[in-house]
């Protein structure tokens, strides 16, 4: 409910239902440790009702070093089978969920070995 009154003394009231939905089921970590211990070895998208997704990883110098058409498979911290150095990389993930417009997630991921 919003009630407002003007400087001239006129007032009005408006009733409007507002719904806020938070998408809490999409998750991308901010760090991963690809050291083959079986824990947190792959940077990947987690979530439910994902119809399709894609991922691009960019180096600190702006070079695209990894891309795939399934962000759920993720990145194992390698380029052409060779491990990359410990650093912070930038990701861009496109996600299309059922009955929801495509969403773009972007941020930084720290790779720590």
PDB file of N, CA and C in Angstrom:
ATOM      1  N   UNK A   1       0.846  -1.160   0.000  1.00  0.00           N
ATOM      2  CA  UNK A   1       0.000   0.000   0.000  1.00  0.00           C
ATOM      3  C   UNK A   1       0.899   1.234   0.000  1.00  0.00           C
ATOM      4  N   UNK A   2       0.580   2.184  -0.862  1.00  0.00           N
ATOM      5  CA  UNK A   2       1.305   3.448  -0.925  1.00  0.00           C
ATOM      6  C   UNK A   2       0.288   4.565  -0.721  1.00  0.00           C
ATOM      7  N   UNK A   3       0.567   5.416   0.244  1.00  0.00           N
ATOM      8  CA  UNK A   3      -0.282   6.574   0.503  1.00  0.00           C
ATOM      9  C   UNK A   3       0.590   7.810   0.318  1.00  0.00           C
ATOM     10  N   UNK A   4       0.099   8.734  -0.474  1.00  0.00           N
ATOM     11  CA  UNK A   4       0.870   9.952  -0.699  1.00  0.00           C
ATOM     12  C   UNK A   4      -0.036  11.166  -0.579  1.00  0.00           C
ATOM     13  N   UNK A   5       0.561  12.286  -0.170  1.00  0.00           N
ATOM     14  CA  UNK A   5      -0.168  13.543  -0.043  1.00  0.00           C
ATOM     15  C   UNK A   5       0.665  14.638  -0.693  1.00  0.00           C
ATOM     16  N   UNK A   6      -0.013  15.445  -1.539  1.00  0.00           N
ATOM     17  CA  UNK A   6       0.697  16.525  -2.223  1.00  0.00           C
ATOM     18  C   UNK A   6       0.827  17.737  -1.305  1.00  0.00           C
ATOM     19  N   UNK A   7       1.594  18.731  -1.761  1.00  0.00           N
ATOM     20  CA  UNK A   7       1.750  19.983  -1.017  1.00  0.00           C
ATOM     21  C   UNK A   7       0.424  20.723  -0.878  1.00  0.00           C
ATOM     22  N   UNK A   8      -0.517  20.448  -1.778  1.00  0.00           N
ATOM     23  CA  UNK A   8      -1.820  21.128  -1.758  1.00  0.00           C
ATOM     24  C   UNK A   8      -2.841  20.386  -0.896  1.00  0.00           C
ATOM     25  N   UNK A   9      -2.413  19.296  -0.266  1.00  0.00           N
ATOM     26  CA  UNK A   9      -3.320  18.576   0.622  1.00  0.00           C
ATOM     27  C   UNK A   9      -4.084  17.449  -0.040  1.00  0.00           C
ATOM     28  N   UNK A  10      -3.886  17.205  -1.324  1.00  0.00           N
ATOM     29  CA  UNK A  10      -4.560  16.098  -1.999  1.00  0.00           C
ATOM     30  C   UNK A  10      -3.840  14.803  -1.649  1.00  0.00           C
ATOM     31  N   UNK A  11      -4.608  13.753  -1.431  1.00  0.00           N
ATOM     32  CA  UNK A  11      -3.976  12.468  -1.109  1.00  0.00           C
ATOM     33  C   UNK A  11      -4.582  11.368  -1.955  1.00  0.00           C
ATOM     34  N   UNK A  12      -3.827  10.302  -2.090  1.00  0.00           N
ATOM     35  CA  UNK A  12      -4.277   9.158  -2.861  1.00  0.00           C
ATOM     36  C   UNK A  12      -3.622   7.916  -2.270  1.00  0.00           C
ATOM     37  N   UNK A  13      -4.274   6.789  -2.482  1.00  0.00           N
ATOM     38  CA  UNK A  13      -3.784   5.510  -1.989  1.00  0.00           C
ATOM     39  C   UNK A  13      -3.789   4.507  -3.139  1.00  0.00           C
ATOM     40  N   UNK A  14      -2.734   3.726  -3.234  1.00  0.00           N
ATOM     41  CA  UNK A  14      -2.636   2.698  -4.262  1.00  0.00           C
ATOM     42  C   UNK A  14      -2.271   1.387  -3.582  1.00  0.00           C
ATOM     43  N   UNK A  15      -2.943   0.311  -4.000  1.00  0.00           N
ATOM     44  CA  UNK A  15      -2.636  -1.033  -3.524  1.00  0.00           C
ATOM     45  C   UNK A  15      -2.073  -1.826  -4.695  1.00  0.00           C
ATOM     46  N   UNK A  16      -0.925  -2.418  -4.516  1.00  0.00           N
ATOM     47  CA  UNK A  16      -0.298  -3.209  -5.567  1.00  0.00           C
ATOM     48  C   UNK A  16       0.464  -4.356  -4.917  1.00  0.00           C
ATOM     49  N   UNK A  17       0.272  -5.553  -5.453  1.00  0.00           N
ATOM     50  CA  UNK A  17       1.017  -6.708  -4.967  1.00  0.00           C
ATOM     51  C   UNK A  17       2.293  -6.832  -5.783  1.00  0.00           C
ATOM     52  N   UNK A  18       3.404  -6.909  -5.079  1.00  0.00           N
ATOM     53  CA  UNK A  18       4.709  -7.051  -5.721  1.00  0.00           C
ATOM     54  C   UNK A  18       5.295  -8.376  -5.264  1.00  0.00           C
ATOM     55  N   UNK A  19       5.713  -9.178  -6.238  1.00  0.00           N
ATOM     56  CA  UNK A  19       6.356 -10.434  -5.850  1.00  0.00           C
ATOM     57  C   UNK A  19       7.822 -10.393  -6.261  1.00  0.00           C
ATOM     58  N   UNK A  20       8.661 -10.808  -5.345  1.00  0.00           N
ATOM     59  CA  UNK A  20      10.099 -10.845  -5.581  1.00  0.00           C
ATOM     60  C   UNK A  20      10.527 -12.301  -5.509  1.00  0.00           C
ATOM     61  N   UNK A  21      11.142 -12.773  -6.602  1.00  0.00           N
ATOM     62  CA  UNK A  21      11.609 -14.154  -6.629  1.00  0.00           C
ATOM     63  C   UNK A  21      13.125 -14.150  -6.741  1.00  0.00           C
ATOM     64  N   UNK A  22      13.757 -14.787  -5.805  1.00  0.00           N
ATOM     65  CA  UNK A  22      15.206 -14.890  -5.820  1.00  0.00           C
ATOM     66  C   UNK A  22      15.596 -16.222  -6.433  1.00  0.00           C
ATOM     67  N   UNK A  23      16.552 -16.185  -7.339  1.00  0.00           N
ATOM     68  CA  UNK A  23      17.059 -17.406  -7.929  1.00  0.00           C
ATOM     69  C   UNK A  23      18.232 -17.873  -7.097  1.00  0.00           C
ATOM     70  N   UNK A  24      17.935 -18.705  -6.138  1.00  0.00           N
ATOM     71  CA  UNK A  24      18.979 -19.148  -5.223  1.00  0.00           C
ATOM     72  C   UNK A  24      19.534 -20.511  -5.587  1.00  0.00           C
ATOM     73  N   UNK A  25      18.994 -21.116  -6.642  1.00  0.00           N
ATOM     74  CA  UNK A  25      19.463 -22.457  -6.951  1.00  0.00           C
ATOM     75  C   UNK A  25      20.597 -22.481  -7.976  1.00  0.00           C
ATOM     76  N   UNK A  26      21.018 -21.336  -8.513  1.00  0.00           N
ATOM     77  CA  UNK A  26      22.185 -21.290  -9.391  1.00  0.00           C
ATOM     78  C   UNK A  26      23.406 -20.968  -8.544  1.00  0.00           C
ATOM     79  N   UNK A  27      24.474 -21.738  -8.754  1.00  0.00           N
ATOM     80  CA  UNK A  27      25.673 -21.526  -7.943  1.00  0.00           C
ATOM     81  C   UNK A  27      26.928 -21.678  -8.786  1.00  0.00           C
ATOM     82  N   UNK A  28      27.815 -20.708  -8.676  1.00  0.00           N
ATOM     83  CA  UNK A  28      29.164 -20.759  -9.230  1.00  0.00           C
ATOM     84  C   UNK A  28      30.113 -20.390  -8.095  1.00  0.00           C
ATOM     85  N   UNK A  29      31.115 -21.226  -7.803  1.00  0.00           N
ATOM     86  CA  UNK A  29      32.032 -20.899  -6.715  1.00  0.00           C
ATOM     87  C   UNK A  29      32.934 -19.730  -7.086  1.00  0.00           C
ATOM     88  N   UNK A  30      33.621 -19.164  -6.110  1.00  0.00           N
ATOM     89  CA  UNK A  30      34.556 -18.077  -6.392  1.00  0.00           C
ATOM     90  C   UNK A  30      36.011 -18.553  -6.377  1.00  0.00           C
ATOM     91  N   UNK A  31      36.206 -19.853  -6.083  1.00  0.00           N
ATOM     92  CA  UNK A  31      37.540 -20.451  -6.124  1.00  0.00           C
ATOM     93  C   UNK A  31      37.403 -21.952  -6.340  1.00  0.00           C
ATOM     94  N   UNK A  32      38.437 -22.564  -6.919  1.00  0.00           N
ATOM     95  CA  UNK A  32      38.492 -24.013  -7.013  1.00  0.00           C
ATOM     96  C   UNK A  32      39.939 -24.468  -6.996  1.00  0.00           C
ATOM     97  N   UNK A  33      40.121 -25.768  -6.694  1.00  0.00           N
ATOM     98  CA  UNK A  33      41.465 -26.305  -6.485  1.00  0.00           C
ATOM     99  C   UNK A  33      41.674 -27.563  -7.333  1.00  0.00           C
ATOM    100  N   UNK A  34      41.993 -27.396  -8.600  1.00  0.00           N
ATOM    101  CA  UNK A  34      42.170 -28.566  -9.476  1.00  0.00           C
ATOM    102  C   UNK A  34      43.492 -29.288  -9.230  1.00  0.00           C
ATOM    103  N   UNK A  35      43.527 -30.100  -8.174  1.00  0.00           N
ATOM    104  CA  UNK A  35      44.761 -30.807  -7.810  1.00  0.00           C
ATOM    105  C   UNK A  35      44.562 -32.323  -7.792  1.00  0.00           C
ATOM    106  N   UNK A  36      43.488 -32.789  -8.423  1.00  0.00           N
ATOM    107  CA  UNK A  36      43.180 -34.223  -8.556  1.00  0.00           C
ATOM    108  C   UNK A  36      42.998 -34.950  -7.229  1.00  0.00           C
ATOM    109  N   UNK A  37      42.498 -34.243  -6.205  1.00  0.00           N
ATOM    110  CA  UNK A  37      42.202 -34.919  -4.942  1.00  0.00           C
ATOM    111  C   UNK A  37      40.731 -35.349  -4.872  1.00  0.00           C
ATOM    112  N   UNK A  38      39.988 -35.067  -5.941  1.00  0.00           N
ATOM    113  CA  UNK A  38      38.573 -35.445  -5.982  1.00  0.00           C
ATOM    114  C   UNK A  38      37.641 -34.457  -5.310  1.00  0.00           C
ATOM    115  N   UNK A  39      38.191 -33.383  -4.769  1.00  0.00           N
ATOM    116  CA  UNK A  39      37.389 -32.357  -4.093  1.00  0.00           C
ATOM    117  C   UNK A  39      37.576 -31.014  -4.788  1.00  0.00           C
ATOM    118  N   UNK A  40      36.501 -30.428  -5.273  1.00  0.00           N
ATOM    119  CA  UNK A  40      36.544 -29.081  -5.836  1.00  0.00           C
ATOM    120  C   UNK A  40      37.549 -28.950  -6.988  1.00  0.00           C
ATOM    121  N   UNK A  41      37.656 -30.007  -7.811  1.00  0.00           N
ATOM    122  CA  UNK A  41      38.629 -30.029  -8.906  1.00  0.00           C
ATOM    123  C   UNK A  41      38.145 -29.351 -10.179  1.00  0.00           C
ATOM    124  N   UNK A  42      36.831 -29.101 -10.285  1.00  0.00           N
ATOM    125  CA  UNK A  42      36.255 -28.542 -11.518  1.00  0.00           C
ATOM    126  C   UNK A  42      35.410 -27.320 -11.185  1.00  0.00           C
ATOM    127  N   UNK A  43      35.615 -26.263 -11.950  1.00  0.00           N
ATOM    128  CA  UNK A  43      34.770 -25.066 -11.842  1.00  0.00           C
ATOM    129  C   UNK A  43      33.575 -25.291 -12.746  1.00  0.00           C
ATOM    130  N   UNK A  44      32.384 -25.412 -12.157  1.00  0.00           N
ATOM    131  CA  UNK A  44      31.202 -25.693 -12.959  1.00  0.00           C
ATOM    132  C   UNK A  44      29.959 -25.051 -12.356  1.00  0.00           C
ATOM    133  N   UNK A  45      28.959 -24.879 -13.207  1.00  0.00           N
ATOM    134  CA  UNK A  45      27.662 -24.345 -12.804  1.00  0.00           C
ATOM    135  C   UNK A  45      26.848 -25.442 -12.139  1.00  0.00           C
ATOM    136  N   UNK A  46      26.205 -25.085 -11.046  1.00  0.00           N
ATOM    137  CA  UNK A  46      25.286 -26.003 -10.371  1.00  0.00           C
ATOM    138  C   UNK A  46      23.926 -25.322 -10.291  1.00  0.00           C
ATOM    139  N   UNK A  47      22.873 -26.112 -10.433  1.00  0.00           N
ATOM    140  CA  UNK A  47      21.525 -25.566 -10.337  1.00  0.00           C
ATOM    141  C   UNK A  47      20.496 -26.569 -10.809  1.00  0.00           C
ATOM    142  N   UNK A  48      19.248 -26.151 -10.793  1.00  0.00           N
ATOM    143  CA  UNK A  48      18.152 -27.023 -11.216  1.00  0.00           C
ATOM    144  C   UNK A  48      17.419 -26.406 -12.394  1.00  0.00           C
ATOM    145  N   UNK A  49      16.707 -27.247 -13.115  1.00  0.00           N
ATOM    146  CA  UNK A  49      15.864 -26.860 -14.243  1.00  0.00           C
ATOM    147  C   UNK A  49      16.637 -26.109 -15.327  1.00  0.00           C
ATOM    148  N   UNK A  50      17.916 -26.438 -15.501  1.00  0.00           N
ATOM    149  CA  UNK A  50      18.730 -25.804 -16.537  1.00  0.00           C
ATOM    150  C   UNK A  50      18.489 -26.525 -17.852  1.00  0.00           C
ATOM    151  N   UNK A  51      18.027 -25.784 -18.850  1.00  0.00           N
ATOM    152  CA  UNK A  51      17.801 -26.370 -20.171  1.00  0.00           C
ATOM    153  C   UNK A  51      19.080 -26.400 -20.986  1.00  0.00           C
ATOM    154  N   UNK A  52      19.833 -25.308 -20.967  1.00  0.00           N
ATOM    155  CA  UNK A  52      21.140 -25.275 -21.629  1.00  0.00           C
ATOM    156  C   UNK A  52      21.976 -24.167 -21.022  1.00  0.00           C
ATOM    157  N   UNK A  53      23.284 -24.290 -21.235  1.00  0.00           N
ATOM    158  CA  UNK A  53      24.218 -23.316 -20.672  1.00  0.00           C
ATOM    159  C   UNK A  53      25.519 -23.359 -21.461  1.00  0.00           C
ATOM    160  N   UNK A  54      26.293 -22.307 -21.333  1.00  0.00           N
ATOM    161  CA  UNK A  54      27.620 -22.256 -21.953  1.00  0.00           C
ATOM    162  C   UNK A  54      28.547 -21.474 -21.037  1.00  0.00           C
ATOM    163  N   UNK A  55      29.863 -21.687 -21.230  1.00  0.00           N
ATOM    164  CA  UNK A  55      30.844 -21.061 -20.355  1.00  0.00           C
ATOM    165  C   UNK A  55      32.034 -20.578 -21.167  1.00  0.00           C
ATOM    166  N   UNK A  56      32.533 -19.409 -20.825  1.00  0.00           N
ATOM    167  CA  UNK A  56      33.772 -18.876 -21.390  1.00  0.00           C
ATOM    168  C   UNK A  56      34.649 -18.466 -20.213  1.00  0.00           C
ATOM    169  N   UNK A  57      35.933 -18.854 -20.263  1.00  0.00           N
ATOM    170  CA  UNK A  57      36.916 -18.457 -19.261  1.00  0.00           C
ATOM    171  C   UNK A  57      37.946 -17.576 -19.952  1.00  0.00           C
ATOM    172  N   UNK A  58      38.260 -16.436 -19.334  1.00  0.00           N
ATOM    173  CA  UNK A  58      39.181 -15.465 -19.912  1.00  0.00           C
ATOM    174  C   UNK A  58      40.348 -15.253 -18.947  1.00  0.00           C
ATOM    175  N   UNK A  59      41.567 -15.192 -19.494  1.00  0.00           N
ATOM    176  CA  UNK A  59      42.750 -14.957 -18.670  1.00  0.00           C
ATOM    177  C   UNK A  59      42.793 -13.505 -18.208  1.00  0.00           C
ATOM    178  N   UNK A  60      43.730 -13.218 -17.317  1.00  0.00           N
ATOM    179  CA  UNK A  60      43.883 -11.845 -16.822  1.00  0.00           C
ATOM    180  C   UNK A  60      44.335 -10.901 -17.923  1.00  0.00           C
ATOM    181  N   UNK A  61      44.809 -11.441 -19.041  1.00  0.00           N
ATOM    182  CA  UNK A  61      45.258 -10.623 -20.172  1.00  0.00           C
ATOM    183  C   UNK A  61      44.169 -10.468 -21.221  1.00  0.00           C
ATOM    184  N   UNK A  62      42.977 -11.028 -20.965  1.00  0.00           N
ATOM    185  CA  UNK A  62      41.856 -10.868 -21.880  1.00  0.00           C
ATOM    186  C   UNK A  62      41.747 -11.924 -22.962  1.00  0.00           C
ATOM    187  N   UNK A  63      42.560 -12.976 -22.870  1.00  0.00           N
ATOM    188  CA  UNK A  63      42.498 -14.052 -23.862  1.00  0.00           C
ATOM    189  C   UNK A  63      41.489 -15.111 -23.445  1.00  0.00           C
ATOM    190  N   UNK A  64      40.642 -15.544 -24.384  1.00  0.00           N
ATOM    191  CA  UNK A  64      39.729 -16.642 -24.105  1.00  0.00           C
ATOM    192  C   UNK A  64      40.573 -17.917 -24.049  1.00  0.00           C
ATOM    193  N   UNK A  65      40.574 -18.573 -22.891  1.00  0.00           N
ATOM    194  CA  UNK A  65      41.396 -19.767 -22.729  1.00  0.00           C
ATOM    195  C   UNK A  65      40.568 -21.044 -22.671  1.00  0.00           C
ATOM    196  N   UNK A  66      39.242 -20.896 -22.486  1.00  0.00           N
ATOM    197  CA  UNK A  66      38.386 -22.083 -22.413  1.00  0.00           C
ATOM    198  C   UNK A  66      36.966 -21.682 -22.769  1.00  0.00           C
ATOM    199  N   UNK A  67      36.279 -22.585 -23.469  1.00  0.00           N
ATOM    200  CA  UNK A  67      34.846 -22.397 -23.721  1.00  0.00           C
ATOM    201  C   UNK A  67      34.202 -23.757 -23.914  1.00  0.00           C
ATOM    202  N   UNK A  68      32.936 -23.851 -23.506  1.00  0.00           N
ATOM    203  CA  UNK A  68      32.173 -25.067 -23.770  1.00  0.00           C
ATOM    204  C   UNK A  68      30.692 -24.739 -23.865  1.00  0.00           C
ATOM    205  N   UNK A  69      29.929 -25.697 -24.327  1.00  0.00           N
ATOM    206  CA  UNK A  69      28.487 -25.519 -24.486  1.00  0.00           C
ATOM    207  C   UNK A  69      27.692 -26.206 -23.390  1.00  0.00           C
ATOM    208  N   UNK A  70      28.351 -26.531 -22.287  1.00  0.00           N
ATOM    209  CA  UNK A  70      27.672 -27.120 -21.138  1.00  0.00           C
ATOM    210  C   UNK A  70      28.422 -26.709 -19.879  1.00  0.00           C
ATOM    211  N   UNK A  71      27.963 -25.619 -19.271  1.00  0.00           N
ATOM    212  CA  UNK A  71      28.633 -25.101 -18.074  1.00  0.00           C
ATOM    213  C   UNK A  71      28.571 -26.085 -16.914  1.00  0.00           C
ATOM    214  N   UNK A  72      27.665 -27.064 -16.980  1.00  0.00           N
ATOM    215  CA  UNK A  72      27.586 -28.089 -15.955  1.00  0.00           C
ATOM    216  C   UNK A  72      28.776 -29.042 -15.993  1.00  0.00           C
ATOM    217  N   UNK A  73      29.409 -29.183 -17.157  1.00  0.00           N
ATOM    218  CA  UNK A  73      30.624 -30.014 -17.257  1.00  0.00           C
ATOM    219  C   UNK A  73      31.801 -29.272 -16.652  1.00  0.00           C
ATOM    220  N   UNK A  74      31.850 -27.960 -16.875  1.00  0.00           N
ATOM    221  CA  UNK A  74      32.840 -27.126 -16.230  1.00  0.00           C
ATOM    222  C   UNK A  74      34.232 -27.155 -16.827  1.00  0.00           C
ATOM    223  N   UNK A  75      35.143 -26.489 -16.109  1.00  0.00           N
ATOM    224  CA  UNK A  75      36.534 -26.316 -16.515  1.00  0.00           C
ATOM    225  C   UNK A  75      37.433 -26.953 -15.470  1.00  0.00           C
ATOM    226  N   UNK A  76      38.391 -27.737 -15.925  1.00  0.00           N
ATOM    227  CA  UNK A  76      39.274 -28.459 -15.008  1.00  0.00           C
ATOM    228  C   UNK A  76      40.596 -27.742 -14.741  1.00  0.00           C
ATOM    229  N   UNK A  77      40.719 -26.496 -15.174  1.00  0.00           N
ATOM    230  CA  UNK A  77      41.931 -25.727 -14.899  1.00  0.00           C
ATOM    231  C   UNK A  77      43.070 -26.014 -15.857  1.00  0.00           C
ATOM    232  N   UNK A  78      42.732 -26.531 -17.055  1.00  0.00           N
ATOM    233  CA  UNK A  78      43.775 -26.809 -18.039  1.00  0.00           C
ATOM    234  C   UNK A  78      43.479 -26.080 -19.350  1.00  0.00           C
ATOM    235  N   UNK A  79      44.543 -25.918 -20.137  1.00  0.00           N
ATOM    236  CA  UNK A  79      44.431 -25.451 -21.519  1.00  0.00           C
ATOM    237  C   UNK A  79      45.177 -26.475 -22.355  1.00  0.00           C
ATOM    238  N   UNK A  80      44.461 -27.093 -23.286  1.00  0.00           N
ATOM    239  CA  UNK A  80      45.059 -28.134 -24.134  1.00  0.00           C
ATOM    240  C   UNK A  80      45.764 -29.211 -23.313  1.00  0.00           C
ATOM    241  N   UNK A  81      45.156 -29.599 -22.190  1.00  0.00           N
ATOM    242  CA  UNK A  81      45.699 -30.660 -21.358  1.00  0.00           C
ATOM    243  C   UNK A  81      46.802 -30.248 -20.401  1.00  0.00           C
ATOM    244  N   UNK A  82      47.200 -28.988 -20.412  1.00  0.00           N
ATOM    245  CA  UNK A  82      48.254 -28.510 -19.518  1.00  0.00           C
ATOM    246  C   UNK A  82      47.649 -27.585 -18.465  1.00  0.00           C
ATOM    247  N   UNK A  83      48.091 -27.765 -17.227  1.00  0.00           N
ATOM    248  CA  UNK A  83      47.568 -26.948 -16.135  1.00  0.00           C
ATOM    249  C   UNK A  83      47.970 -25.485 -16.299  1.00  0.00           C
ATOM    250  N   UNK A  84      47.024 -24.600 -15.985  1.00  0.00           N
ATOM    251  CA  UNK A  84      47.314 -23.168 -15.994  1.00  0.00           C
ATOM    252  C   UNK A  84      47.855 -22.783 -14.617  1.00  0.00           C
ATOM    253  N   UNK A  85      48.427 -21.609 -14.535  1.00  0.00           N
ATOM    254  CA  UNK A  85      49.019 -21.154 -13.276  1.00  0.00           C
ATOM    255  C   UNK A  85      47.949 -20.681 -12.297  1.00  0.00           C
ATOM    256  N   UNK A  86      48.326 -20.647 -11.020  1.00  0.00           N
ATOM    257  CA  UNK A  86      47.451 -20.064 -10.008  1.00  0.00           C
ATOM    258  C   UNK A  86      47.210 -18.613 -10.382  1.00  0.00           C
ATOM    259  N   UNK A  87      45.967 -18.225 -10.464  1.00  0.00           N
ATOM    260  CA  UNK A  87      45.624 -16.850 -10.833  1.00  0.00           C
ATOM    261  C   UNK A  87      44.128 -16.670 -10.674  1.00  0.00           C
ATOM    262  N   UNK A  88      43.679 -15.463 -10.940  1.00  0.00           N
ATOM    263  CA  UNK A  88      42.258 -15.156 -10.980  1.00  0.00           C
ATOM    264  C   UNK A  88      41.856 -15.020 -12.435  1.00  0.00           C
ATOM    265  N   UNK A  89      40.808 -15.723 -12.813  1.00  0.00           N
ATOM    266  CA  UNK A  89      40.305 -15.729 -14.182  1.00  0.00           C
ATOM    267  C   UNK A  89      38.891 -15.162 -14.177  1.00  0.00           C
ATOM    268  N   UNK A  90      38.452 -14.716 -15.326  1.00  0.00           N
ATOM    269  CA  UNK A  90      37.101 -14.175 -15.465  1.00  0.00           C
ATOM    270  C   UNK A  90      36.236 -15.195 -16.186  1.00  0.00           C
ATOM    271  N   UNK A  91      34.994 -15.345 -15.737  1.00  0.00           N
ATOM    272  CA  UNK A  91      34.071 -16.264 -16.417  1.00  0.00           C
ATOM    273  C   UNK A  91      32.847 -15.504 -16.905  1.00  0.00           C
ATOM    274  N   UNK A  92      32.240 -16.043 -17.940  1.00  0.00           N
ATOM    275  CA  UNK A  92      30.947 -15.588 -18.442  1.00  0.00           C
ATOM    276  C   UNK A  92      30.144 -16.851 -18.718  1.00  0.00           C
ATOM    277  N   UNK A  93      29.043 -17.000 -18.027  1.00  0.00           N
ATOM    278  CA  UNK A  93      28.201 -18.185 -18.156  1.00  0.00           C
ATOM    279  C   UNK A  93      26.815 -17.737 -18.590  1.00  0.00           C
ATOM    280  N   UNK A  94      26.316 -18.336 -19.682  1.00  0.00           N
ATOM    281  CA  UNK A  94      24.944 -18.097 -20.119  1.00  0.00           C
ATOM    282  C   UNK A  94      24.108 -19.293 -19.690  1.00  0.00           C
ATOM    283  N   UNK A  95      22.949 -19.007 -19.083  1.00  0.00           N
ATOM    284  CA  UNK A  95      22.087 -20.056 -18.564  1.00  0.00           C
ATOM    285  C   UNK A  95      20.670 -19.830 -19.054  1.00  0.00           C
ATOM    286  N   UNK A  96      20.053 -20.883 -19.567  1.00  0.00           N
ATOM    287  CA  UNK A  96      18.633 -20.843 -19.918  1.00  0.00           C
ATOM    288  C   UNK A  96      17.938 -21.885 -19.058  1.00  0.00           C
ATOM    289  N   UNK A  97      17.044 -21.389 -18.186  1.00  0.00           N
ATOM    290  CA  UNK A  97      16.257 -22.279 -17.344  1.00  0.00           C
ATOM    291  C   UNK A  97      14.842 -22.382 -17.889  1.00  0.00           C
ATOM    292  N   UNK A  98      14.179 -23.434 -17.505  1.00  0.00           N
ATOM    293  CA  UNK A  98      12.805 -23.662 -17.934  1.00  0.00           C
ATOM    294  C   UNK A  98      11.910 -22.493 -17.509  1.00  0.00           C
ATOM    295  N   UNK A  99      11.166 -21.939 -18.462  1.00  0.00           N
ATOM    296  CA  UNK A  99      10.188 -20.861 -18.221  1.00  0.00           C
ATOM    297  C   UNK A  99      10.799 -19.564 -17.699  1.00  0.00           C
ATOM    298  N   UNK A 100      12.106 -19.354 -17.906  1.00  0.00           N
ATOM    299  CA  UNK A 100      12.780 -18.144 -17.447  1.00  0.00           C
ATOM    300  C   UNK A 100      13.661 -17.639 -18.580  1.00  0.00           C
ATOM    301  N   UNK A 101      13.716 -16.329 -18.817  1.00  0.00           N
ATOM    302  CA  UNK A 101      14.600 -15.805 -19.868  1.00  0.00           C
ATOM    303  C   UNK A 101      16.069 -16.153 -19.603  1.00  0.00           C
ATOM    304  N   UNK A 102      16.873 -16.192 -20.667  1.00  0.00           N
ATOM    305  CA  UNK A 102      18.302 -16.473 -20.535  1.00  0.00           C
ATOM    306  C   UNK A 102      18.942 -15.473 -19.592  1.00  0.00           C
ATOM    307  N   UNK A 103      19.870 -15.962 -18.788  1.00  0.00           N
ATOM    308  CA  UNK A 103      20.558 -15.132 -17.814  1.00  0.00           C
ATOM    309  C   UNK A 103      22.056 -15.224 -18.072  1.00  0.00           C
ATOM    310  N   UNK A 104      22.759 -14.114 -17.892  1.00  0.00           N
ATOM    311  CA  UNK A 104      24.213 -14.092 -18.036  1.00  0.00           C
ATOM    312  C   UNK A 104      24.829 -13.851 -16.664  1.00  0.00           C
ATOM    313  N   UNK A 105      25.691 -14.776 -16.260  1.00  0.00           N
ATOM    314  CA  UNK A 105      26.404 -14.664 -14.992  1.00  0.00           C
ATOM    315  C   UNK A 105      27.862 -14.388 -15.323  1.00  0.00           C
ATOM    316  N   UNK A 106      28.445 -13.402 -14.670  1.00  0.00           N
ATOM    317  CA  UNK A 106      29.858 -13.117 -14.910  1.00  0.00           C
ATOM    318  C   UNK A 106      30.524 -12.735 -13.605  1.00  0.00           C
ATOM    319  N   UNK A 107      31.817 -13.054 -13.538  1.00  0.00           N
ATOM    320  CA  UNK A 107      32.557 -12.760 -12.323  1.00  0.00           C
ATOM    321  C   UNK A 107      33.968 -13.305 -12.425  1.00  0.00           C
ATOM    322  N   UNK A 108      34.605 -13.445 -11.273  1.00  0.00           N
ATOM    323  CA  UNK A 108      35.978 -13.926 -11.211  1.00  0.00           C
ATOM    324  C   UNK A 108      36.063 -15.228 -10.450  1.00  0.00           C
ATOM    325  N   UNK A 109      36.989 -16.076 -10.871  1.00  0.00           N
ATOM    326  CA  UNK A 109      37.243 -17.350 -10.216  1.00  0.00           C
ATOM    327  C   UNK A 109      38.735 -17.443  -9.917  1.00  0.00           C
ATOM    328  N   UNK A 110      39.062 -17.784  -8.690  1.00  0.00           N
ATOM    329  CA  UNK A 110      40.465 -17.974  -8.307  1.00  0.00           C
ATOM    330  C   UNK A 110      40.821 -19.443  -8.424  1.00  0.00           C
ATOM    331  N   UNK A 111      41.879 -19.731  -9.148  1.00  0.00           N
ATOM    332  CA  UNK A 111      42.383 -21.092  -9.288  1.00  0.00           C
ATOM    333  C   UNK A 111      43.569 -21.229  -8.331  1.00  0.00           C
ATOM    334  N   UNK A 112      43.445 -22.191  -7.402  1.00  0.00           N
ATOM    335  CA  UNK A 112      44.475 -22.396  -6.382  1.00  0.00           C
ATOM    336  C   UNK A 112      44.853 -23.871  -6.393  1.00  0.00           C
ATOM    337  N   UNK A 113      46.110 -24.150  -6.584  1.00  0.00           N
ATOM    338  CA  UNK A 113      46.580 -25.541  -6.558  1.00  0.00           C
ATOM    339  C   UNK A 113      47.288 -25.837  -5.268  1.00  0.00           C
TER     340      UNK A 113
END
